[in-house]
Amino acid sequence: MRPLLIGPLTLETVTIPIRNLPPRLEGCRIVQLSDFHYDGQRLPTPLLEAVIAQVSALAPDLVALTGDYVTSDPSPIFRLSAYLSQLNSRYGTVAVLGNHDNLRLGGRRTILRELQRAGVQALWNQIIYPLSEDLPVVGLAEFWSKEFNPKPLLDSLPTTTPRLVLSHNPDSAAELAPYRVDLQLSGHTHGGQIVLPGLGRVPALVQRLQTSQLGKLPLPYLNRKCGKILHHWEWAAGLHQIGNNWLYVNRGLGTYAPGRFRCPPEVTLITLVSA
């Protein structure tokens, strides 16, 4: 079933102060894309083509993809990878996987392989240096997988070295709080998809009601386990500071029915500056 409402593609811009940012990376521009769910239902091809054109027009230094390229069946990655190969940036495209990319047996391997074939540096508990030896990119395993283990990776980096961390699920920011994470890029939430004026994001509202006395009543939707999707719905979209760390959560491109309301699909342009 196609979503009833998607909304216009929007460009969000944010500037992030980075401690010890190398002077040559002052003003470095990163485009983030997330949650494609390219399965023939949740991301119209014209919207995907508009995204590719938008990225080309922005001419970023780096493109970062934060997971959920498919919904369950991994086979659409073969079509999606042809589009992802068209992403243009000075230092290429980096990526991590989402929970939906890790559902089917063998799906993770297929998706990682196809991303690599498309020229995307796809990471699963790895560190690479596309921008500079002084600004590593850390790509974590999917948060709900048994292989999510940031400690060895982050402990291997000097504490004076800034780093960009890609992690699909923003709940991982709570576990990353003890470490230096100058900027974490996440997705997963779709921004909650429906934002009600004066009330906020519907999943966050449902979660609050579940913990109140109303949660004991047999009301529609209140039995849905919003907490299984995300615990920290207060981090569902946009920029957040968690201790000394910055977290940015992209609203994603794909849409589940019944659709989006006041929460359109997003391309994010991030500019790094010295703190």
C-alpha atoms as a PDB file:
ATOM      1  CA  MET A   1       0.000   0.000   0.000  1.00  0.00           C
ATOM      2  CA  ARG A   2       1.399   3.381  -0.971  1.00  0.00           C
ATOM      3  CA  PRO A   3       1.478   6.176   1.616  1.00  0.00           C
ATOM      4  CA  LEU A   4      -1.340   8.672   1.412  1.00  0.00           C
ATOM      5  CA  LEU A   5       0.933  11.662   1.963  1.00  0.00           C
ATOM      6  CA  ILE A   6       4.674  12.186   1.657  1.00  0.00           C
ATOM      7  CA  GLY A   7       5.274  15.936   1.457  1.00  0.00           C
ATOM      8  CA  PRO A   8       7.897  17.849  -0.502  1.00  0.00           C
ATOM      9  CA  LEU A   9      11.565  16.941  -0.291  1.00  0.00           C
ATOM     10  CA  THR A  10      13.235  19.403   2.085  1.00  0.00           C
ATOM     11  CA  LEU A  11      16.829  20.494   2.577  1.00  0.00           C
ATOM     12  CA  GLU A  12      17.874  20.931   6.196  1.00  0.00           C
ATOM     13  CA  THR A  13      21.129  22.767   6.942  1.00  0.00           C
ATOM     14  CA  VAL A  14      23.084  22.586  10.181  1.00  0.00           C
ATOM     15  CA  THR A  15      26.498  23.796  11.344  1.00  0.00           C
ATOM     16  CA  ILE A  16      28.459  21.672  13.825  1.00  0.00           C
ATOM     17  CA  PRO A  17      31.379  22.961  15.928  1.00  0.00           C
ATOM     18  CA  ILE A  18      34.201  20.406  16.112  1.00  0.00           C
ATOM     19  CA  ARG A  19      37.041  20.513  18.638  1.00  0.00           C
ATOM     20  CA  ASN A  20      40.513  20.114  17.091  1.00  0.00           C
ATOM     21  CA  LEU A  21      39.075  20.307  13.589  1.00  0.00           C
ATOM     22  CA  PRO A  22      42.011  20.437  11.121  1.00  0.00           C
ATOM     23  CA  PRO A  23      42.141  23.920   9.552  1.00  0.00           C
ATOM     24  CA  ARG A  24      41.997  22.446   6.044  1.00  0.00           C
ATOM     25  CA  LEU A  25      38.582  20.952   6.918  1.00  0.00           C
ATOM     26  CA  GLU A  26      37.078  24.240   8.092  1.00  0.00           C
ATOM     27  CA  GLY A  27      33.768  24.546   6.242  1.00  0.00           C
ATOM     28  CA  CYS A  28      33.753  20.872   5.166  1.00  0.00           C
ATOM     29  CA  ARG A  29      30.285  19.995   3.875  1.00  0.00           C
ATOM     30  CA  ILE A  30      28.653  16.596   4.407  1.00  0.00           C
ATOM     31  CA  VAL A  31      25.328  15.494   2.944  1.00  0.00           C
ATOM     32  CA  GLN A  32      23.374  12.874   4.901  1.00  0.00           C
ATOM     33  CA  LEU A  33      20.688  10.614   3.419  1.00  0.00           C
ATOM     34  CA  SER A  34      18.835   7.916   5.334  1.00  0.00           C
ATOM     35  CA  ASP A  35      16.051   5.307   5.373  1.00  0.00           C
ATOM     36  CA  PHE A  36      15.399   4.767   1.677  1.00  0.00           C
ATOM     37  CA  HIS A  37      13.172   1.665   2.053  1.00  0.00           C
ATOM     38  CA  TYR A  38      13.393   1.288  -1.701  1.00  0.00           C
ATOM     39  CA  ASP A  39      10.970  -1.590  -2.172  1.00  0.00           C
ATOM     40  CA  GLY A  40       8.526  -0.307  -4.793  1.00  0.00           C
ATOM     41  CA  GLN A  41       6.112   1.066  -2.190  1.00  0.00           C
ATOM     42  CA  ARG A  42       7.780   3.457   0.247  1.00  0.00           C
ATOM     43  CA  LEU A  43      10.037   5.614  -1.922  1.00  0.00           C
ATOM     44  CA  PRO A  44       8.739   6.821  -5.309  1.00  0.00           C
ATOM     45  CA  THR A  45      11.434   6.757  -7.965  1.00  0.00           C
ATOM     46  CA  PRO A  46      10.834  10.424  -8.952  1.00  0.00           C
ATOM     47  CA  LEU A  47      11.583  11.415  -5.349  1.00  0.00           C
ATOM     48  CA  LEU A  48      14.768   9.339  -5.386  1.00  0.00           C
ATOM     49  CA  GLU A  49      15.824  10.983  -8.650  1.00  0.00           C
ATOM     50  CA  ALA A  50      15.171  14.401  -7.084  1.00  0.00           C
ATOM     51  CA  VAL A  51      17.402  13.435  -4.164  1.00  0.00           C
ATOM     52  CA  ILE A  52      20.265  12.460  -6.479  1.00  0.00           C
ATOM     53  CA  ALA A  53      19.898  15.758  -8.351  1.00  0.00           C
ATOM     54  CA  GLN A  54      19.822  17.705  -5.074  1.00  0.00           C
ATOM     55  CA  VAL A  55      23.062  16.105  -3.899  1.00  0.00           C
ATOM     56  CA  SER A  56      24.767  16.894  -7.204  1.00  0.00           C
ATOM     57  CA  ALA A  57      23.657  20.523  -6.954  1.00  0.00           C
ATOM     58  CA  LEU A  58      25.051  20.807  -3.415  1.00  0.00           C
ATOM     59  CA  ALA A  59      28.491  19.482  -4.488  1.00  0.00           C
ATOM     60  CA  PRO A  60      29.402  18.259  -0.969  1.00  0.00           C
ATOM     61  CA  ASP A  61      32.782  17.062   0.232  1.00  0.00           C
ATOM     62  CA  LEU A  62      31.315  13.780   1.502  1.00  0.00           C
ATOM     63  CA  VAL A  63      28.001  11.902   1.373  1.00  0.00           C
ATOM     64  CA  ALA A  64      26.960   9.799   4.393  1.00  0.00           C
ATOM     65  CA  LEU A  65      24.207   7.169   4.195  1.00  0.00           C
ATOM     66  CA  THR A  66      22.758   5.928   7.476  1.00  0.00           C
ATOM     67  CA  GLY A  67      20.915   2.744   6.624  1.00  0.00           C
ATOM     68  CA  ASP A  68      17.644   0.993   5.766  1.00  0.00           C
ATOM     69  CA  TYR A  69      18.165   0.806   2.015  1.00  0.00           C
ATOM     70  CA  VAL A  70      15.490  -1.905   1.773  1.00  0.00           C
ATOM     71  CA  THR A  71      12.551  -2.958   3.954  1.00  0.00           C
ATOM     72  CA  SER A  72      12.842  -6.744   4.223  1.00  0.00           C
ATOM     73  CA  ASP A  73      13.639  -8.364   0.871  1.00  0.00           C
ATOM     74  CA  PRO A  74      17.243  -7.343   0.005  1.00  0.00           C
ATOM     75  CA  SER A  75      16.794  -7.676  -3.771  1.00  0.00           C
ATOM     76  CA  PRO A  76      15.760  -4.014  -4.383  1.00  0.00           C
ATOM     77  CA  ILE A  77      19.333  -3.041  -3.475  1.00  0.00           C
ATOM     78  CA  PHE A  78      20.304  -4.047  -7.042  1.00  0.00           C
ATOM     79  CA  ARG A  79      18.093  -1.263  -8.436  1.00  0.00           C
ATOM     80  CA  LEU A  80      18.871   1.223  -5.692  1.00  0.00           C
ATOM     81  CA  SER A  81      22.632   0.806  -6.053  1.00  0.00           C
ATOM     82  CA  ALA A  82      22.429   2.088  -9.624  1.00  0.00           C
ATOM     83  CA  TYR A  83      21.083   5.376  -8.265  1.00  0.00           C
ATOM     84  CA  LEU A  84      23.537   5.511  -5.366  1.00  0.00           C
ATOM     85  CA  SER A  85      26.418   5.151  -7.818  1.00  0.00           C
ATOM     86  CA  GLN A  86      25.366   8.549  -9.218  1.00  0.00           C
ATOM     87  CA  LEU A  87      25.991  10.389  -5.938  1.00  0.00           C
ATOM     88  CA  ASN A  88      28.747  12.935  -6.492  1.00  0.00           C
ATOM     89  CA  SER A  89      31.031  14.361  -3.838  1.00  0.00           C
ATOM     90  CA  ARG A  90      34.664  15.329  -3.482  1.00  0.00           C
ATOM     91  CA  TYR A  91      35.660  12.430  -1.210  1.00  0.00           C
ATOM     92  CA  GLY A  92      33.014   9.857  -2.066  1.00  0.00           C
ATOM     93  CA  THR A  93      30.187   8.180  -0.158  1.00  0.00           C
ATOM     94  CA  VAL A  94      30.328   6.334   3.171  1.00  0.00           C
ATOM     95  CA  ALA A  95      27.546   4.209   4.636  1.00  0.00           C
ATOM     96  CA  VAL A  96      26.327   1.962   7.423  1.00  0.00           C
ATOM     97  CA  LEU A  97      23.409  -0.467   7.512  1.00  0.00           C
ATOM     98  CA  GLY A  98      20.085  -0.249   9.322  1.00  0.00           C
ATOM     99  CA  ASN A  99      17.970  -2.841  11.099  1.00  0.00           C
ATOM    100  CA  HIS A 100      15.914  -3.576   7.967  1.00  0.00           C
ATOM    101  CA  ASP A 101      19.087  -4.342   6.030  1.00  0.00           C
ATOM    102  CA  ASN A 102      19.915  -7.018   8.572  1.00  0.00           C
ATOM    103  CA  LEU A 103      16.574  -8.884   8.705  1.00  0.00           C
ATOM    104  CA  ARG A 104      17.040 -11.627   6.125  1.00  0.00           C
ATOM    105  CA  LEU A 105      19.717 -14.294   6.284  1.00  0.00           C
ATOM    106  CA  GLY A 106      22.405 -13.243   3.830  1.00  0.00           C
ATOM    107  CA  GLY A 107      20.791  -9.833   3.310  1.00  0.00           C
ATOM    108  CA  ARG A 108      23.540  -7.939   5.063  1.00  0.00           C
ATOM    109  CA  ARG A 109      26.220  -9.526   2.921  1.00  0.00           C
ATOM    110  CA  THR A 110      24.273  -8.799  -0.274  1.00  0.00           C
ATOM    111  CA  ILE A 111      23.660  -5.160   0.629  1.00  0.00           C
ATOM    112  CA  LEU A 112      27.248  -4.513   1.711  1.00  0.00           C
ATOM    113  CA  ARG A 113      28.521  -6.064  -1.520  1.00  0.00           C
ATOM    114  CA  GLU A 114      26.196  -4.054  -3.753  1.00  0.00           C
ATOM    115  CA  LEU A 115      26.994  -0.804  -1.978  1.00  0.00           C
ATOM    116  CA  GLN A 116      30.691  -1.450  -2.514  1.00  0.00           C
ATOM    117  CA  ARG A 117      30.032  -2.174  -6.197  1.00  0.00           C
ATOM    118  CA  ALA A 118      28.248   1.175  -6.428  1.00  0.00           C
ATOM    119  CA  GLY A 119      31.386   2.910  -5.150  1.00  0.00           C
ATOM    120  CA  VAL A 120      30.034   3.368  -1.625  1.00  0.00           C
ATOM    121  CA  GLN A 121      32.391   2.674   1.282  1.00  0.00           C
ATOM    122  CA  ALA A 122      30.027   0.509   3.333  1.00  0.00           C
ATOM    123  CA  LEU A 123      31.108  -0.010   6.951  1.00  0.00           C
ATOM    124  CA  TRP A 124      30.314  -2.569   9.630  1.00  0.00           C
ATOM    125  CA  ASN A 125      32.446  -1.881  12.712  1.00  0.00           C
ATOM    126  CA  GLN A 126      35.165  -0.178  10.683  1.00  0.00           C
ATOM    127  CA  ILE A 127      37.161   3.049  10.633  1.00  0.00           C
ATOM    128  CA  ILE A 128      38.133   4.825   7.425  1.00  0.00           C
ATOM    129  CA  TYR A 129      39.722   8.165   6.577  1.00  0.00           C
ATOM    130  CA  PRO A 130      38.037   9.611   3.474  1.00  0.00           C
ATOM    131  CA  LEU A 131      38.410  13.245   4.572  1.00  0.00           C
ATOM    132  CA  SER A 132      41.701  13.311   6.463  1.00  0.00           C
ATOM    133  CA  GLU A 133      43.885  11.249   8.773  1.00  0.00           C
ATOM    134  CA  ASP A 134      42.839  13.826  11.385  1.00  0.00           C
ATOM    135  CA  LEU A 135      39.083  13.163  11.046  1.00  0.00           C
ATOM    136  CA  PRO A 136      38.245   9.441  10.931  1.00  0.00           C
ATOM    137  CA  VAL A 137      34.796   8.142  10.015  1.00  0.00           C
ATOM    138  CA  VAL A 138      33.610   5.343  12.311  1.00  0.00           C
ATOM    139  CA  GLY A 139      30.890   3.096  10.898  1.00  0.00           C
ATOM    140  CA  LEU A 140      29.198   0.948  13.543  1.00  0.00           C
ATOM    141  CA  ALA A 141      27.326  -2.327  13.242  1.00  0.00           C
ATOM    142  CA  GLU A 142      23.552  -2.044  13.476  1.00  0.00           C
ATOM    143  CA  PHE A 143      22.510  -1.254  17.057  1.00  0.00           C
ATOM    144  CA  TRP A 144      20.174  -4.232  17.470  1.00  0.00           C
ATOM    145  CA  SER A 145      22.672  -6.738  16.120  1.00  0.00           C
ATOM    146  CA  LYS A 146      24.885  -8.816  18.391  1.00  0.00           C
ATOM    147  CA  GLU A 147      27.904  -7.237  16.729  1.00  0.00           C
ATOM    148  CA  PHE A 148      27.283  -3.683  17.915  1.00  0.00           C
ATOM    149  CA  ASN A 149      30.452  -3.014  19.905  1.00  0.00           C
ATOM    150  CA  PRO A 150      31.786   0.548  19.672  1.00  0.00           C
ATOM    151  CA  LYS A 151      34.365   0.297  22.467  1.00  0.00           C
ATOM    152  CA  PRO A 152      37.281  -1.304  20.553  1.00  0.00           C
ATOM    153  CA  LEU A 153      36.867   1.100  17.655  1.00  0.00           C
ATOM    154  CA  LEU A 154      36.567   4.295  19.681  1.00  0.00           C
ATOM    155  CA  ASP A 155      39.247   3.261  22.175  1.00  0.00           C
ATOM    156  CA  SER A 156      41.668   2.763  19.273  1.00  0.00           C
ATOM    157  CA  LEU A 157      41.518   6.475  18.384  1.00  0.00           C
ATOM    158  CA  PRO A 158      43.534   9.147  20.224  1.00  0.00           C
ATOM    159  CA  THR A 159      41.291  11.205  22.484  1.00  0.00           C
ATOM    160  CA  THR A 160      42.605  14.359  20.825  1.00  0.00           C
ATOM    161  CA  THR A 161      41.359  13.214  17.416  1.00  0.00           C
ATOM    162  CA  PRO A 162      37.869  14.358  16.359  1.00  0.00           C
ATOM    163  CA  ARG A 163      35.664  11.731  14.738  1.00  0.00           C
ATOM    164  CA  LEU A 164      32.445  11.333  12.790  1.00  0.00           C
ATOM    165  CA  VAL A 165      30.343   8.301  13.810  1.00  0.00           C
ATOM    166  CA  LEU A 166      27.652   6.709  11.651  1.00  0.00           C
ATOM    167  CA  SER A 167      25.095   4.653  13.581  1.00  0.00           C
ATOM    168  CA  HIS A 168      21.622   3.973  12.191  1.00  0.00           C
ATOM    169  CA  ASN A 169      19.670   3.965  15.455  1.00  0.00           C
ATOM    170  CA  PRO A 170      19.863   7.171  17.536  1.00  0.00           C
ATOM    171  CA  ASP A 171      19.308   5.172  20.740  1.00  0.00           C
ATOM    172  CA  SER A 172      22.953   4.163  20.341  1.00  0.00           C
ATOM    173  CA  ALA A 173      23.896   7.715  21.390  1.00  0.00           C
ATOM    174  CA  ALA A 174      23.184   6.731  25.000  1.00  0.00           C
ATOM    175  CA  GLU A 175      25.829   3.990  24.837  1.00  0.00           C
ATOM    176  CA  LEU A 176      28.224   6.284  22.983  1.00  0.00           C
ATOM    177  CA  ALA A 177      27.920   9.060  25.590  1.00  0.00           C
ATOM    178  CA  PRO A 178      31.044   7.970  27.554  1.00  0.00           C
ATOM    179  CA  TYR A 179      33.183   8.277  24.412  1.00  0.00           C
ATOM    180  CA  ARG A 180      34.269  11.221  22.343  1.00  0.00           C
ATOM    181  CA  VAL A 181      31.812  11.470  19.434  1.00  0.00           C
ATOM    182  CA  ASP A 182      32.108  14.872  17.811  1.00  0.00           C
ATOM    183  CA  LEU A 183      29.175  14.151  15.513  1.00  0.00           C
ATOM    184  CA  GLN A 184      26.929  11.091  15.307  1.00  0.00           C
ATOM    185  CA  LEU A 185      24.712  10.749  12.238  1.00  0.00           C
ATOM    186  CA  SER A 186      21.613   8.557  12.586  1.00  0.00           C
ATOM    187  CA  GLY A 187      18.225   7.910  11.004  1.00  0.00           C
ATOM    188  CA  HIS A 188      15.776   5.080  11.780  1.00  0.00           C
ATOM    189  CA  THR A 189      12.925   7.203  13.160  1.00  0.00           C
ATOM    190  CA  HIS A 190      11.480   8.750   9.966  1.00  0.00           C
ATOM    191  CA  GLY A 191      11.063  11.743  12.273  1.00  0.00           C
ATOM    192  CA  GLY A 192       7.998  10.027  13.727  1.00  0.00           C
ATOM    193  CA  GLN A 193       6.275  10.624  10.335  1.00  0.00           C
ATOM    194  CA  ILE A 194       3.273  12.443  11.852  1.00  0.00           C
ATOM    195  CA  VAL A 195       3.747  15.642  13.852  1.00  0.00           C
ATOM    196  CA  LEU A 196       0.598  17.151  15.376  1.00  0.00           C
ATOM    197  CA  PRO A 197       0.529  20.917  16.002  1.00  0.00           C
ATOM    198  CA  GLY A 198       0.874  21.605  19.709  1.00  0.00           C
ATOM    199  CA  LEU A 199       1.283  17.905  20.542  1.00  0.00           C
ATOM    200  CA  GLY A 200       4.426  16.848  18.742  1.00  0.00           C
ATOM    201  CA  ARG A 201       5.421  13.546  17.196  1.00  0.00           C
ATOM    202  CA  VAL A 202       2.748  10.869  17.408  1.00  0.00           C
ATOM    203  CA  PRO A 203       5.074   8.020  18.515  1.00  0.00           C
ATOM    204  CA  ALA A 204       6.446  10.209  21.329  1.00  0.00           C
ATOM    205  CA  LEU A 205       2.891  11.127  22.331  1.00  0.00           C
ATOM    206  CA  VAL A 206       1.851   7.459  22.352  1.00  0.00           C
ATOM    207  CA  GLN A 207       4.905   6.566  24.418  1.00  0.00           C
ATOM    208  CA  ARG A 208       4.017   9.225  27.002  1.00  0.00           C
ATOM    209  CA  LEU A 209       0.431   7.995  27.178  1.00  0.00           C
ATOM    210  CA  GLN A 210       1.605   4.408  27.646  1.00  0.00           C
ATOM    211  CA  THR A 211       3.449   5.433  30.789  1.00  0.00           C
ATOM    212  CA  SER A 212       0.492   7.409  32.168  1.00  0.00           C
ATOM    213  CA  GLN A 213      -2.747   6.164  33.710  1.00  0.00           C
ATOM    214  CA  LEU A 214      -4.327   6.281  30.235  1.00  0.00           C
ATOM    215  CA  GLY A 215      -1.939   3.565  29.186  1.00  0.00           C
ATOM    216  CA  LYS A 216      -3.921   1.110  31.257  1.00  0.00           C
ATOM    217  CA  LEU A 217      -7.035   1.699  29.157  1.00  0.00           C
ATOM    218  CA  PRO A 218      -7.783  -0.316  25.975  1.00  0.00           C
ATOM    219  CA  LEU A 219      -7.426   2.718  23.701  1.00  0.00           C
ATOM    220  CA  PRO A 220      -6.465   2.356  20.014  1.00  0.00           C
ATOM    221  CA  TYR A 221      -2.710   2.366  19.262  1.00  0.00           C
ATOM    222  CA  LEU A 222      -1.662   2.547  22.910  1.00  0.00           C
ATOM    223  CA  ASN A 223      -0.726  -1.122  22.932  1.00  0.00           C
ATOM    224  CA  ARG A 224       1.759  -0.624  20.141  1.00  0.00           C
ATOM    225  CA  LYS A 225       5.315  -0.956  21.367  1.00  0.00           C
ATOM    226  CA  CYS A 226       6.732   2.423  20.373  1.00  0.00           C
ATOM    227  CA  GLY A 227       9.608   1.743  22.707  1.00  0.00           C
ATOM    228  CA  LYS A 228      10.629  -1.221  20.580  1.00  0.00           C
ATOM    229  CA  ILE A 229      11.226   1.129  17.654  1.00  0.00           C
ATOM    230  CA  LEU A 230      12.970   3.819  19.682  1.00  0.00           C
ATOM    231  CA  HIS A 231      13.403   4.471  23.363  1.00  0.00           C
ATOM    232  CA  HIS A 232      14.574   8.077  23.073  1.00  0.00           C
ATOM    233  CA  TRP A 233      11.803   9.614  20.976  1.00  0.00           C
ATOM    234  CA  GLU A 234      13.023  12.996  22.169  1.00  0.00           C
ATOM    235  CA  TRP A 235      15.906  12.408  19.712  1.00  0.00           C
ATOM    236  CA  ALA A 236      13.608  11.526  16.803  1.00  0.00           C
ATOM    237  CA  ALA A 237      14.772  14.285  14.456  1.00  0.00           C
ATOM    238  CA  GLY A 238      17.196  17.154  14.152  1.00  0.00           C
ATOM    239  CA  LEU A 239      20.203  18.176  16.228  1.00  0.00           C
ATOM    240  CA  HIS A 240      20.744  17.161  19.856  1.00  0.00           C
ATOM    241  CA  GLN A 241      23.603  17.541  22.306  1.00  0.00           C
ATOM    242  CA  ILE A 242      24.167  14.554  24.579  1.00  0.00           C
ATOM    243  CA  GLY A 243      26.838  15.422  27.085  1.00  0.00           C
ATOM    244  CA  ASN A 244      29.741  16.670  24.985  1.00  0.00           C
ATOM    245  CA  ASN A 245      28.569  14.789  21.882  1.00  0.00           C
ATOM    246  CA  TRP A 246      26.458  16.018  18.979  1.00  0.00           C
ATOM    247  CA  LEU A 247      23.766  13.815  17.425  1.00  0.00           C
ATOM    248  CA  TYR A 248      21.938  14.608  14.215  1.00  0.00           C
ATOM    249  CA  VAL A 249      18.917  12.472  13.237  1.00  0.00           C
ATOM    250  CA  ASN A 250      17.718  12.583   9.627  1.00  0.00           C
ATOM    251  CA  ARG A 251      13.956  12.133   8.973  1.00  0.00           C
ATOM    252  CA  GLY A 252      14.662   9.746   6.099  1.00  0.00           C
ATOM    253  CA  LEU A 253      13.309   9.391   2.584  1.00  0.00           C
ATOM    254  CA  GLY A 254      11.060   6.333   2.682  1.00  0.00           C
ATOM    255  CA  THR A 255       7.546   6.519   4.115  1.00  0.00           C
ATOM    256  CA  TYR A 256       5.254   3.968   5.731  1.00  0.00           C
ATOM    257  CA  ALA A 257       1.484   4.200   5.275  1.00  0.00           C
ATOM    258  CA  PRO A 258      -0.579   6.174   6.085  1.00  0.00           C
ATOM    259  CA  GLY A 259       2.142   8.708   5.284  1.00  0.00           C
ATOM    260  CA  ARG A 260       3.824  11.826   6.599  1.00  0.00           C
ATOM    261  CA  PHE A 261       2.255  14.936   8.098  1.00  0.00           C
ATOM    262  CA  ARG A 262       4.387  17.994   8.899  1.00  0.00           C
ATOM    263  CA  CYS A 263       7.407  15.673   8.695  1.00  0.00           C
ATOM    264  CA  PRO A 264       8.629  15.628   5.075  1.00  0.00           C
ATOM    265  CA  PRO A 265      11.498  13.556   3.663  1.00  0.00           C
ATOM    266  CA  GLU A 266      14.893  15.123   4.177  1.00  0.00           C
ATOM    267  CA  VAL A 267      18.281  15.789   2.652  1.00  0.00           C
ATOM    268  CA  THR A 268      20.672  17.160   5.269  1.00  0.00           C
ATOM    269  CA  LEU A 269      23.615  19.473   4.570  1.00  0.00           C
ATOM    270  CA  ILE A 270      26.068  19.603   7.471  1.00  0.00           C
ATOM    271  CA  THR A 271      28.905  22.128   7.660  1.00  0.00           C
ATOM    272  CA  LEU A 272      31.819  21.516  10.027  1.00  0.00           C
ATOM    273  CA  VAL A 273      33.506  24.485  11.733  1.00  0.00           C
ATOM    274  CA  SER A 274      36.110  24.808  14.464  1.00  0.00           C
ATOM    275  CA  ALA A 275      34.691  24.890  17.985  1.00  0.00           C
END
